[in-house]
Amino acid sequence: MIAPIVLPLLAGAGMLLLSGERQRSIMAAVNVAVTFALVCIAIALLGMSDASQTGISQVYRLGDWPAPFGIVLVLDRLSALMLLLTSILALAAVVFSLARWHRAGAHFHPLFQFLLMGLNGAFLTGDLFNLFVFFELLLAASYGLLLHGSGLARVKAGLQYIVVNLVASLLFLIGVSLIYGVTGTLNMADLAARIPTIAAENRGLLEAGAGILAMAFLLKAGMWPLCFWLPTTYAAACPPVASIFAIMTKVGVYIVLRLSLLLFGDGAGASAGFGSSWLLLGGLATIIFGAIGTLASQDTARLAAFSVLVSSGTVLAATGMEQADVTGGALFYLVSSTLGISAFFLLVELIERGREPGADMIAVTREAYGEGDDDDETEEEKDEVGMAIVATMGLLGVAFIGCALVVAGLPPLSGFIAKFALLTAALRPSEVHGSIPGGGWALLVVLILSGFTTLIAMTRAGIRSFWAAPDRTVPRVRVIEMAPVMFLLLACAAQTVQAGPVMRFMQATAQSLHASGGYVRGVLETGEQGNRKAGGI
């Protein structure tokens, strides 16, 4: 289970020793091979976690130091799910980049592997201090990747992105310091065990630290009003980077989901349900803001970026409802929307390519639109209505429709199933501590309206890209560019076909998250066994 961290570390460090155009093909091959290996490892880890009856399949103690004193990596269903989702997006992004984008700047491949190391570490770590370490590592790599390809827009967005994340890091440190000052530990399982026993006079300081820590991750998750930086940043990134960045906001969502249920669940004593109402309200506001942004977007890349906000807001609002069934539907939606948005970011560059004047990868094909010489036309041809559609435009159109269905949550693809499952659970009566009356109905209205606005925005973008410009050139799309888009959409289709088993896995994941005692026992009992072993020696 340490392989998702060690493999990218070794690959990234090794590729830094290579330089020059001749070595770029070697780095590309290493990047693809390691990323494919991470997919295989993630599938194996997912199988291990699903076979576990306790919710935790494995605890890895670095240096064999017992918890809570040493560094622990914890594998459960949620972390395994996020590892697999990250590796799938990474494989699609890196294959897409081989067409031309990996040559647009220096150190793309090492930075890509370091980003994967930070993401995988953040999903596996079992303590807040090492979460900060991996958080900073993935941010450092993302700074370089955002600037990949250069250009004024990327430099401006990159500077804003760096400042915003430096503020998030500062908030992270302040929050962690306050929590450590009150509890004396940063191990997540140990925190969950100690929080119920915190004295009343110290509970305010604990909750203040948790609130500041939450601001750092909600800033990364893009919750309104902390999401001002995200649309510009994601729209400016080059397509393969924007595609993998679709999982970056989910890091913040993952940590909020993990810590809110682990530290402030039903067993947290007086702090049970802390911040849940704010998560619900903030998530709803984020969905509304993202929906308005999709309608206002005249650029397809910004449309995709605002769709990220709708996705994050939906999962945050569901987390705030603190119901296991709602959380299960939200996890199904998280996977579906992330796959769809990632595919959309890759597709944007392909459908916009034909509108770029002077692009070096454009094929001008007048015959494709039936604009041949009128003198050569037969009487039968003159009677034909319309124009010929080349295979490239047809394939791009089908992919665009697939992305639109997934992102907007329309049948028959996985986005509709995810929203249906989420809303079905949300409308059931709830007696959860701190729940807002009518929260499920509010989520229903907001999700339906956001889906409608996304459908309008996607339809408008499709008309502008495929119908309203008959004189546009036909983009020359390589198989290596189209294959990753179709791969991600096929993953959404597979999620649709296998909705039953996938939903059962999501519900099992949600149940283990809400019953956090299994996580705490799995980590701390491993530490106690290590203590007994050391004592016997």
Protein backbone atom coordinates (compact mmCIF):
# COMPACT_ATOMS: atom_id res chain seq x y z
CA MET A 1 0.00 0.00 0.00
CA ILE A 2 3.00 2.30 0.14
CA ALA A 3 3.65 1.74 -3.58
CA PRO A 4 1.31 4.59 -4.71
CA ILE A 5 3.67 6.95 -2.85
CA VAL A 6 7.05 5.35 -3.48
CA LEU A 7 6.62 4.63 -7.20
CA PRO A 8 5.88 8.25 -8.23
CA LEU A 9 8.66 9.47 -5.91
CA LEU A 10 11.28 7.23 -7.51
CA ALA A 11 10.00 7.88 -11.04
CA GLY A 12 9.92 11.66 -10.57
CA ALA A 13 13.36 11.77 -8.99
CA GLY A 14 14.81 9.55 -11.71
CA MET A 15 13.34 11.65 -14.51
CA LEU A 16 14.92 14.80 -13.06
CA LEU A 17 18.28 13.28 -13.96
CA LEU A 18 17.28 13.15 -17.62
CA SER A 19 17.36 16.21 -19.83
CA GLY A 20 17.21 17.10 -23.48
CA GLU A 21 14.77 16.42 -26.28
CA ARG A 22 16.21 12.97 -26.91
CA GLN A 23 15.45 11.91 -23.33
CA ARG A 24 11.88 13.20 -23.46
CA SER A 25 10.60 10.02 -25.08
CA ILE A 26 12.19 7.98 -22.28
CA MET A 27 10.51 10.16 -19.65
CA ALA A 28 7.19 9.83 -21.45
CA ALA A 29 7.49 6.05 -21.50
CA VAL A 30 8.38 5.96 -17.80
CA ASN A 31 5.49 8.28 -16.95
CA VAL A 32 2.95 6.15 -18.81
CA ALA A 33 4.34 2.88 -17.41
CA VAL A 34 4.33 4.08 -13.81
CA THR A 35 0.86 5.60 -14.13
CA PHE A 36 -0.49 2.37 -15.61
CA ALA A 37 1.15 0.46 -12.75
CA LEU A 38 -0.61 2.78 -10.30
CA VAL A 39 -3.95 1.90 -11.91
CA CYS A 40 -3.25 -1.81 -11.43
CA ILE A 41 -2.12 -1.28 -7.83
CA ALA A 42 -5.18 0.83 -7.08
CA ILE A 43 -7.47 -1.90 -8.44
CA ALA A 44 -5.74 -4.46 -6.20
CA LEU A 45 -6.03 -2.17 -3.16
CA LEU A 46 -9.71 -1.56 -3.91
CA GLY A 47 -10.31 -5.30 -3.93
CA MET A 48 -8.48 -5.65 -0.60
CA SER A 49 -10.51 -2.89 1.02
CA ASP A 50 -13.82 -4.26 -0.24
CA ALA A 51 -13.02 -7.69 1.18
CA SER A 52 -12.48 -6.23 4.65
CA GLN A 53 -15.31 -6.58 7.16
CA THR A 54 -14.05 -3.89 9.55
CA GLY A 55 -13.79 -0.99 7.09
CA ILE A 56 -9.97 -0.91 7.28
CA SER A 57 -8.05 -3.48 5.30
CA GLN A 58 -4.50 -2.45 6.14
CA VAL A 59 -2.47 -0.09 8.33
CA TYR A 60 1.14 0.55 7.30
CA ARG A 61 3.44 1.79 10.09
CA LEU A 62 6.56 3.48 8.69
CA GLY A 63 9.64 2.46 10.62
CA ASP A 64 7.41 0.07 12.59
CA TRP A 65 6.59 2.88 15.01
CA PRO A 66 3.18 2.31 16.60
CA ALA A 67 0.28 4.73 16.31
CA PRO A 68 -0.22 7.42 17.45
CA PHE A 69 3.52 8.13 17.78
CA GLY A 70 4.66 7.08 14.33
CA ILE A 71 3.60 7.81 10.76
CA VAL A 72 0.77 5.56 9.62
CA LEU A 73 -0.83 5.00 6.25
CA VAL A 74 -4.40 3.75 6.38
CA LEU A 75 -6.19 1.92 3.59
CA ASP A 76 -9.98 1.76 3.70
CA ARG A 77 -12.68 1.81 1.05
CA LEU A 78 -12.71 5.60 0.68
CA SER A 79 -8.93 5.97 0.30
CA ALA A 80 -8.81 3.04 -2.14
CA LEU A 81 -11.64 4.59 -4.18
CA MET A 82 -9.83 7.93 -4.40
CA LEU A 83 -6.57 6.20 -5.36
CA LEU A 84 -8.27 4.41 -8.24
CA LEU A 85 -10.07 7.55 -9.42
CA THR A 86 -6.81 9.54 -9.33
CA SER A 87 -4.86 6.91 -11.26
CA ILE A 88 -7.55 6.63 -13.95
CA LEU A 89 -7.59 10.39 -14.49
CA ALA A 90 -3.80 10.47 -14.48
CA LEU A 91 -3.53 7.74 -17.12
CA ALA A 92 -5.95 9.57 -19.42
CA ALA A 93 -4.17 12.91 -18.91
CA VAL A 94 -0.66 11.62 -19.50
CA VAL A 95 -1.64 9.71 -22.66
CA PHE A 96 -3.39 12.82 -23.99
CA SER A 97 -0.28 14.91 -23.30
CA LEU A 98 1.88 12.69 -25.53
CA ALA A 99 0.32 14.19 -28.66
CA ARG A 100 2.03 17.54 -28.13
CA TRP A 101 1.52 19.07 -24.69
CA HIS A 102 4.35 17.26 -22.91
CA ARG A 103 6.76 19.11 -25.22
CA ALA A 104 5.33 22.55 -24.36
CA GLY A 105 7.61 23.09 -21.36
CA ALA A 106 10.27 21.60 -19.14
CA HIS A 107 9.86 18.95 -16.44
CA PHE A 108 6.27 18.03 -17.26
CA HIS A 109 6.77 14.33 -16.55
CA PRO A 110 8.62 14.66 -13.19
CA LEU A 111 6.12 17.25 -11.95
CA PHE A 112 3.25 14.99 -12.99
CA GLN A 113 4.65 12.11 -10.93
CA PHE A 114 5.29 14.34 -7.92
CA LEU A 115 1.69 15.53 -8.15
CA LEU A 116 0.51 11.91 -8.07
CA MET A 117 2.73 11.24 -5.07
CA GLY A 118 1.17 14.14 -3.18
CA LEU A 119 -2.37 13.15 -4.12
CA ASN A 120 -1.91 9.49 -3.19
CA GLY A 121 -0.20 10.41 0.07
CA ALA A 122 -3.01 12.78 1.02
CA PHE A 123 -5.56 9.98 0.50
CA LEU A 124 -3.57 7.38 2.45
CA THR A 125 -2.12 9.31 5.39
CA GLY A 126 -3.54 8.77 8.85
CA ASP A 127 -2.33 11.93 10.58
CA LEU A 128 -2.69 15.67 10.04
CA PHE A 129 1.01 16.55 10.01
CA ASN A 130 1.82 14.27 7.09
CA LEU A 131 -1.37 15.39 5.44
CA PHE A 132 0.20 18.85 5.46
CA VAL A 133 3.42 17.44 3.97
CA PHE A 134 1.63 15.73 1.10
CA PHE A 135 -0.65 18.74 0.68
CA GLU A 136 2.38 21.00 0.16
CA LEU A 137 4.03 18.50 -2.17
CA LEU A 138 1.03 18.30 -4.49
CA LEU A 139 0.68 22.09 -4.42
CA ALA A 140 4.35 22.63 -5.32
CA ALA A 141 4.00 20.28 -8.28
CA SER A 142 0.72 21.90 -9.34
CA TYR A 143 2.40 25.34 -9.45
CA GLY A 144 4.78 24.14 -12.13
CA LEU A 145 2.11 22.20 -14.03
CA LEU A 146 -0.24 25.19 -14.11
CA LEU A 147 2.47 27.29 -15.78
CA HIS A 148 3.24 24.50 -18.28
CA GLY A 149 2.90 25.86 -21.79
CA SER A 150 3.61 29.45 -20.63
CA GLY A 151 1.52 32.37 -21.87
CA LEU A 152 0.29 35.52 -20.15
CA ALA A 153 -3.04 33.99 -19.04
CA ARG A 154 -1.30 31.07 -17.33
CA VAL A 155 1.22 33.33 -15.61
CA LYS A 156 -1.55 35.56 -14.22
CA ALA A 157 -3.64 32.61 -13.11
CA GLY A 158 -0.55 30.92 -11.68
CA LEU A 159 0.39 33.88 -9.52
CA GLN A 160 -3.14 34.09 -8.15
CA TYR A 161 -3.17 30.34 -7.56
CA ILE A 162 0.12 30.44 -5.65
CA VAL A 163 -1.02 33.29 -3.38
CA VAL A 164 -4.35 31.59 -2.64
CA ASN A 165 -2.71 28.30 -1.75
CA LEU A 166 -0.07 29.97 0.42
CA VAL A 167 -2.94 31.46 2.42
CA ALA A 168 -4.54 28.00 2.59
CA SER A 169 -1.27 26.54 3.87
CA LEU A 170 -1.03 29.22 6.55
CA LEU A 171 -4.58 28.49 7.67
CA PHE A 172 -3.72 24.79 7.69
CA LEU A 173 -0.78 25.34 10.03
CA ILE A 174 -2.75 27.58 12.38
CA GLY A 175 -5.62 25.12 12.59
CA VAL A 176 -3.34 22.12 13.15
CA SER A 177 -1.42 24.01 15.85
CA LEU A 178 -4.60 24.84 17.76
CA ILE A 179 -5.85 21.26 17.54
CA TYR A 180 -2.51 19.87 18.71
CA GLY A 181 -2.37 22.37 21.57
CA VAL A 182 -5.71 21.13 22.88
CA THR A 183 -5.51 17.39 22.19
CA GLY A 184 -1.78 16.67 22.20
CA THR A 185 -1.98 14.48 19.08
CA LEU A 186 -2.34 14.76 15.31
CA ASN A 187 -3.13 11.14 14.52
CA MET A 188 -6.66 11.13 13.10
CA ALA A 189 -7.79 7.99 14.92
CA ASP A 190 -6.30 9.21 18.19
CA LEU A 191 -8.00 12.57 17.73
CA ALA A 192 -11.34 10.83 17.27
CA ALA A 193 -10.75 8.94 20.54
CA ARG A 194 -9.73 12.05 22.52
CA ILE A 195 -12.20 14.67 21.30
CA PRO A 196 -15.17 13.33 23.34
CA THR A 197 -13.10 13.72 26.53
CA ILE A 198 -11.98 17.32 25.91
CA ALA A 199 -12.86 19.60 28.81
CA ALA A 200 -15.64 22.11 28.21
CA GLU A 201 -13.31 25.09 28.71
CA ASN A 202 -11.02 23.82 25.94
CA ARG A 203 -13.73 22.80 23.49
CA GLY A 204 -14.08 26.32 22.05
CA LEU A 205 -10.37 26.40 21.17
CA LEU A 206 -10.64 22.95 19.61
CA GLU A 207 -13.59 23.96 17.45
CA ALA A 208 -11.84 27.20 16.48
CA GLY A 209 -8.87 25.18 15.26
CA ALA A 210 -11.15 22.80 13.39
CA GLY A 211 -12.95 25.76 11.79
CA ILE A 212 -9.67 27.32 10.61
CA LEU A 213 -8.49 23.96 9.31
CA ALA A 214 -11.78 23.54 7.47
CA MET A 215 -11.33 26.94 5.80
CA ALA A 216 -8.03 25.75 4.32
CA PHE A 217 -9.64 22.68 2.77
CA LEU A 218 -12.84 24.42 1.74
CA LEU A 219 -10.67 26.96 -0.07
CA LYS A 220 -9.12 24.07 -1.95
CA ALA A 221 -12.50 22.42 -2.50
CA GLY A 222 -13.84 25.64 -4.03
CA MET A 223 -16.74 26.29 -1.66
CA TRP A 224 -18.43 29.66 -2.09
CA PRO A 225 -17.29 32.38 -1.39
CA LEU A 226 -13.75 30.94 -1.33
CA CYS A 227 -13.94 29.77 -4.96
CA PHE A 228 -13.12 33.07 -6.73
CA TRP A 229 -9.77 31.76 -7.94
CA LEU A 230 -10.88 28.43 -9.42
CA PRO A 231 -12.63 29.21 -12.76
CA THR A 232 -9.81 31.41 -14.07
CA THR A 233 -7.11 29.00 -12.91
CA TYR A 234 -8.63 25.83 -14.32
CA ALA A 235 -9.61 27.50 -17.60
CA ALA A 236 -6.04 28.79 -18.09
CA ALA A 237 -4.33 25.42 -17.51
CA CYS A 238 -3.36 23.32 -20.50
CA PRO A 239 -5.85 20.47 -21.18
CA PRO A 240 -4.01 17.51 -19.59
CA VAL A 241 -3.24 19.58 -16.50
CA ALA A 242 -6.81 20.85 -16.22
CA SER A 243 -7.98 17.25 -16.58
CA ILE A 244 -5.95 16.00 -13.62
CA PHE A 245 -6.81 19.17 -11.69
CA ALA A 246 -10.42 17.91 -11.67
CA ILE A 247 -9.34 15.65 -8.78
CA MET A 248 -7.55 18.48 -6.94
CA THR A 249 -10.75 20.02 -5.60
CA LYS A 250 -11.79 16.54 -4.50
CA VAL A 251 -8.76 16.45 -2.19
CA GLY A 252 -10.38 19.22 -0.15
CA VAL A 253 -13.76 17.50 -0.36
CA TYR A 254 -12.21 14.18 0.69
CA ILE A 255 -10.51 15.66 3.75
CA VAL A 256 -13.64 17.54 4.83
CA LEU A 257 -15.69 14.35 4.43
CA ARG A 258 -13.12 12.25 6.28
CA LEU A 259 -12.51 14.60 9.21
CA SER A 260 -16.08 15.79 9.70
CA LEU A 261 -17.39 12.24 10.10
CA LEU A 262 -14.37 10.88 11.96
CA LEU A 263 -13.78 13.73 14.41
CA PHE A 264 -17.23 15.27 14.72
CA GLY A 265 -19.55 12.33 14.13
CA ASP A 266 -22.09 10.94 16.55
CA GLY A 267 -19.39 9.85 19.00
CA ALA A 268 -17.80 13.30 19.38
CA GLY A 269 -19.76 14.22 22.48
CA ALA A 270 -20.64 17.90 22.73
CA SER A 271 -18.93 18.59 19.38
CA ALA A 272 -21.06 16.10 17.43
CA GLY A 273 -22.28 17.62 14.17
CA PHE A 274 -19.90 20.59 14.41
CA GLY A 275 -20.05 22.63 11.19
CA SER A 276 -22.49 20.33 9.38
CA SER A 277 -25.11 23.05 8.89
CA TRP A 278 -22.50 25.37 7.42
CA LEU A 279 -21.38 22.63 5.03
CA LEU A 280 -24.94 22.16 3.81
CA LEU A 281 -25.56 25.87 3.35
CA GLY A 282 -22.14 26.48 1.81
CA GLY A 283 -22.58 23.54 -0.55
CA LEU A 284 -25.96 24.82 -1.73
CA ALA A 285 -24.50 28.30 -2.27
CA THR A 286 -21.61 26.78 -4.24
CA ILE A 287 -24.01 24.88 -6.50
CA ILE A 288 -25.97 28.06 -7.18
CA PHE A 289 -22.82 30.06 -7.88
CA GLY A 290 -21.49 27.36 -10.18
CA ALA A 291 -24.81 27.13 -12.04
CA ILE A 292 -24.88 30.90 -12.60
CA GLY A 293 -21.27 30.71 -13.77
CA THR A 294 -22.06 28.02 -16.33
CA LEU A 295 -24.82 30.19 -17.78
CA ALA A 296 -22.55 33.24 -17.89
CA SER A 297 -19.60 31.41 -19.46
CA GLN A 298 -18.93 32.28 -23.09
CA ASP A 299 -15.76 30.18 -23.10
CA THR A 300 -16.05 26.40 -23.06
CA ALA A 301 -13.07 25.97 -20.72
CA ARG A 302 -14.69 28.29 -18.16
CA LEU A 303 -17.91 26.31 -18.51
CA ALA A 304 -15.98 23.19 -17.52
CA ALA A 305 -14.35 25.05 -14.62
CA PHE A 306 -17.70 26.21 -13.22
CA SER A 307 -18.96 22.63 -13.53
CA VAL A 308 -16.21 21.69 -11.07
CA LEU A 309 -17.82 24.05 -8.54
CA VAL A 310 -21.23 22.44 -9.03
CA SER A 311 -19.65 19.02 -8.44
CA SER A 312 -17.80 20.11 -5.28
CA GLY A 313 -20.84 21.93 -3.91
CA THR A 314 -23.04 18.88 -4.36
CA VAL A 315 -20.72 16.60 -2.39
CA LEU A 316 -20.18 19.22 0.34
CA ALA A 317 -23.93 19.76 0.74
CA ALA A 318 -24.46 16.00 0.96
CA THR A 319 -21.70 15.75 3.58
CA GLY A 320 -23.46 18.41 5.65
CA MET A 321 -26.62 16.30 5.80
CA GLU A 322 -24.72 13.62 7.79
CA GLN A 323 -26.80 10.70 6.51
CA ALA A 324 -25.08 7.50 5.43
CA ASP A 325 -27.40 6.90 2.47
CA VAL A 326 -26.88 10.46 1.24
CA THR A 327 -23.13 10.06 1.59
CA GLY A 328 -23.25 6.88 -0.50
CA GLY A 329 -25.10 8.67 -3.30
CA ALA A 330 -22.66 11.58 -3.03
CA LEU A 331 -19.68 9.25 -3.47
CA PHE A 332 -21.30 7.74 -6.57
CA TYR A 333 -21.84 11.29 -7.86
CA LEU A 334 -18.26 12.31 -6.99
CA VAL A 335 -16.81 9.57 -9.18
CA SER A 336 -19.22 10.17 -12.06
CA SER A 337 -18.89 13.96 -12.15
CA THR A 338 -15.11 13.88 -11.82
CA LEU A 339 -14.75 11.45 -14.71
CA GLY A 340 -17.12 13.51 -16.87
CA ILE A 341 -15.50 16.87 -16.10
CA SER A 342 -12.01 15.47 -16.67
CA ALA A 343 -13.08 14.15 -20.07
CA PHE A 344 -14.69 17.51 -20.84
CA PHE A 345 -11.47 19.42 -20.13
CA LEU A 346 -9.64 17.19 -22.63
CA LEU A 347 -12.42 17.52 -25.18
CA VAL A 348 -12.53 21.33 -24.98
CA GLU A 349 -9.13 21.66 -26.62
CA LEU A 350 -10.12 19.34 -29.46
CA ILE A 351 -13.39 21.04 -30.35
CA GLU A 352 -11.89 24.52 -30.04
CA ARG A 353 -8.85 23.64 -32.13
CA GLY A 354 -10.64 24.23 -35.42
CA ARG A 355 -11.50 27.77 -34.33
CA GLU A 356 -7.90 28.75 -33.60
CA PRO A 357 -6.57 30.84 -36.49
CA GLY A 358 -3.28 29.59 -37.82
CA ALA A 359 -3.14 26.48 -35.64
CA ASP A 360 -0.53 24.05 -36.88
CA MET A 361 -2.70 21.00 -36.35
CA ILE A 362 -5.71 22.05 -38.46
CA ALA A 363 -6.75 20.37 -41.68
CA VAL A 364 -8.70 22.62 -44.02
CA THR A 365 -11.07 20.34 -45.88
CA ARG A 366 -13.60 22.12 -48.06
CA GLU A 367 -14.88 18.85 -49.44
CA ALA A 368 -15.92 17.85 -45.94
CA TYR A 369 -18.63 20.49 -46.06
CA GLY A 370 -19.76 19.81 -49.61
CA GLU A 371 -18.19 23.00 -50.94
CA GLY A 372 -16.97 21.50 -54.20
CA ASP A 373 -17.14 23.16 -57.59
CA ASP A 374 -20.79 23.74 -58.56
CA ASP A 375 -20.05 22.92 -62.20
CA ASP A 376 -19.05 19.37 -61.26
CA GLU A 377 -22.25 18.61 -59.34
CA THR A 378 -24.79 16.24 -60.78
CA GLU A 379 -28.51 16.93 -60.73
CA GLU A 380 -28.93 14.29 -57.98
CA GLU A 381 -26.27 16.00 -55.82
CA LYS A 382 -27.92 19.39 -56.27
CA ASP A 383 -31.15 17.98 -54.83
CA GLU A 384 -29.42 16.89 -51.61
CA VAL A 385 -30.11 18.99 -48.54
CA GLY A 386 -27.51 19.72 -45.83
CA MET A 387 -23.81 19.05 -45.74
CA ALA A 388 -21.55 16.10 -45.14
CA ILE A 389 -20.25 15.53 -41.63
CA VAL A 390 -16.74 14.18 -41.45
CA ALA A 391 -15.96 11.38 -39.02
CA THR A 392 -13.83 13.64 -36.82
CA MET A 393 -16.63 16.10 -36.17
CA GLY A 394 -19.10 13.27 -35.65
CA LEU A 395 -16.88 11.59 -33.06
CA LEU A 396 -16.26 14.88 -31.27
CA GLY A 397 -19.99 15.53 -31.28
CA VAL A 398 -20.78 12.15 -29.73
CA ALA A 399 -18.13 12.72 -27.06
CA PHE A 400 -19.53 16.18 -26.35
CA ILE A 401 -23.04 14.77 -25.92
CA GLY A 402 -21.66 12.13 -23.54
CA CYS A 403 -19.92 14.77 -21.43
CA ALA A 404 -23.05 16.91 -21.41
CA LEU A 405 -25.20 14.01 -20.19
CA VAL A 406 -22.79 13.11 -17.39
CA VAL A 407 -22.10 16.67 -16.22
CA ALA A 408 -25.74 17.77 -16.36
CA GLY A 409 -26.92 14.55 -14.71
CA LEU A 410 -29.27 13.41 -17.47
CA PRO A 411 -30.31 9.84 -18.31
CA PRO A 412 -29.18 7.32 -19.27
CA LEU A 413 -25.60 7.80 -18.00
CA SER A 414 -24.16 7.67 -14.49
CA GLY A 415 -24.75 11.33 -13.64
CA PHE A 416 -28.53 10.76 -13.55
CA ILE A 417 -28.22 7.61 -11.43
CA ALA A 418 -25.96 9.46 -8.99
CA LYS A 419 -28.36 12.38 -8.55
CA PHE A 420 -31.38 10.07 -8.30
CA ALA A 421 -29.72 8.00 -5.55
CA LEU A 422 -28.54 11.10 -3.71
CA LEU A 423 -31.91 12.86 -3.78
CA THR A 424 -33.87 9.71 -2.93
CA ALA A 425 -31.87 9.39 0.28
CA ALA A 426 -31.91 13.13 1.00
CA LEU A 427 -35.71 13.30 0.96
CA ARG A 428 -36.11 10.66 3.64
CA PRO A 429 -36.90 12.00 7.14
CA SER A 430 -33.77 12.59 9.17
CA GLU A 431 -33.16 12.87 12.89
CA VAL A 432 -29.47 13.69 12.52
CA HIS A 433 -28.12 16.07 15.15
CA GLY A 434 -27.95 19.61 13.82
CA SER A 435 -29.69 18.85 10.52
CA ILE A 436 -31.52 21.73 8.85
CA PRO A 437 -35.26 21.19 8.37
CA GLY A 438 -36.08 21.01 4.68
CA GLY A 439 -32.46 20.56 3.71
CA GLY A 440 -33.29 17.64 1.44
CA TRP A 441 -35.92 19.62 -0.44
CA ALA A 442 -33.56 22.56 -0.81
CA LEU A 443 -30.94 20.22 -2.26
CA LEU A 444 -33.55 18.79 -4.63
CA VAL A 445 -34.53 22.21 -5.99
CA VAL A 446 -30.95 23.42 -6.33
CA LEU A 447 -29.75 20.25 -8.07
CA ILE A 448 -32.63 20.28 -10.55
CA LEU A 449 -32.02 23.95 -11.37
CA SER A 450 -28.25 23.43 -11.67
CA GLY A 451 -28.81 20.49 -14.02
CA PHE A 452 -31.16 22.61 -16.12
CA THR A 453 -28.72 25.52 -16.32
CA THR A 454 -25.87 23.14 -17.19
CA LEU A 455 -27.99 21.63 -19.96
CA ILE A 456 -28.70 25.10 -21.37
CA ALA A 457 -25.03 26.10 -21.19
CA MET A 458 -23.83 22.85 -22.77
CA THR A 459 -26.44 23.06 -25.52
CA ARG A 460 -25.39 26.61 -26.31
CA ALA A 461 -21.72 25.60 -26.36
CA GLY A 462 -22.49 22.64 -28.62
CA ILE A 463 -24.43 24.79 -31.08
CA ARG A 464 -21.63 27.34 -31.16
CA SER A 465 -18.97 24.68 -31.67
CA PHE A 466 -20.67 22.29 -34.10
CA TRP A 467 -23.55 24.07 -35.86
CA ALA A 468 -23.10 27.84 -35.87
CA ALA A 469 -19.79 27.89 -37.75
CA PRO A 470 -20.13 25.98 -41.04
CA ASP A 471 -17.00 27.70 -42.37
CA ARG A 472 -14.79 26.49 -39.53
CA THR A 473 -11.92 24.20 -40.29
CA VAL A 474 -12.00 20.55 -39.34
CA PRO A 475 -9.54 19.80 -36.53
CA ARG A 476 -7.08 17.03 -37.14
CA VAL A 477 -7.44 14.85 -34.06
CA ARG A 478 -5.01 12.05 -33.37
CA VAL A 479 -6.08 8.72 -31.94
CA ILE A 480 -3.85 9.28 -28.92
CA GLU A 481 -5.91 12.40 -28.14
CA MET A 482 -9.36 10.96 -28.69
CA ALA A 483 -8.71 7.66 -26.91
CA PRO A 484 -8.37 9.19 -23.38
CA VAL A 485 -11.65 11.08 -23.78
CA MET A 486 -13.49 7.95 -24.86
CA PHE A 487 -11.77 5.97 -22.10
CA LEU A 488 -13.15 8.30 -19.41
CA LEU A 489 -16.61 8.31 -20.97
CA LEU A 490 -16.55 4.50 -21.18
CA ALA A 491 -15.69 4.48 -17.47
CA CYS A 492 -18.87 6.51 -16.88
CA ALA A 493 -20.78 4.04 -19.05
CA ALA A 494 -19.34 1.12 -17.07
CA GLN A 495 -20.41 2.84 -13.86
CA THR A 496 -23.91 3.05 -15.34
CA VAL A 497 -24.07 -0.59 -16.42
CA GLN A 498 -22.65 -1.78 -13.10
CA ALA A 499 -24.63 0.72 -11.04
CA GLY A 500 -25.86 -1.94 -8.60
CA PRO A 501 -22.47 -3.31 -7.48
CA VAL A 502 -20.91 0.15 -7.57
CA MET A 503 -23.70 1.61 -5.44
CA ARG A 504 -23.39 -1.23 -2.94
CA PHE A 505 -19.68 -0.45 -2.62
CA MET A 506 -20.44 3.25 -2.14
CA GLN A 507 -23.04 2.51 0.51
CA ALA A 508 -20.63 0.20 2.34
CA THR A 509 -18.04 2.97 2.19
CA ALA A 510 -20.52 5.47 3.59
CA GLN A 511 -21.57 3.13 6.39
CA SER A 512 -17.95 2.63 7.47
CA LEU A 513 -17.36 6.39 7.40
CA HIS A 514 -20.35 7.08 9.62
CA ALA A 515 -19.44 4.22 11.96
CA SER A 516 -16.00 5.66 12.65
CA GLY A 517 -15.29 3.30 15.56
CA GLY A 518 -13.96 0.69 13.16
CA TYR A 519 -11.40 3.15 11.78
CA VAL A 520 -10.27 4.17 15.27
CA ARG A 521 -9.93 0.59 16.50
CA GLY A 522 -8.19 -0.54 13.32
CA VAL A 523 -5.46 2.10 13.67
CA LEU A 524 -4.98 2.23 17.44
CA GLU A 525 -5.17 -1.51 18.07
CA THR A 526 -2.41 -1.95 15.50
CA GLY A 527 -0.39 0.53 17.54
CA GLU A 528 -1.10 -1.37 20.77
CA GLN A 529 0.05 -4.62 19.17
CA GLY A 530 3.27 -2.86 18.17
CA ASN A 531 3.75 -1.65 21.76
CA ARG A 532 3.24 -5.18 23.15
CA LYS A 533 5.70 -6.55 20.60
CA ALA A 534 8.32 -3.94 21.52
CA GLY A 535 7.75 -4.63 25.24
CA GLY A 536 8.26 -8.36 24.75
CA ILE A 537 11.53 -7.77 22.94
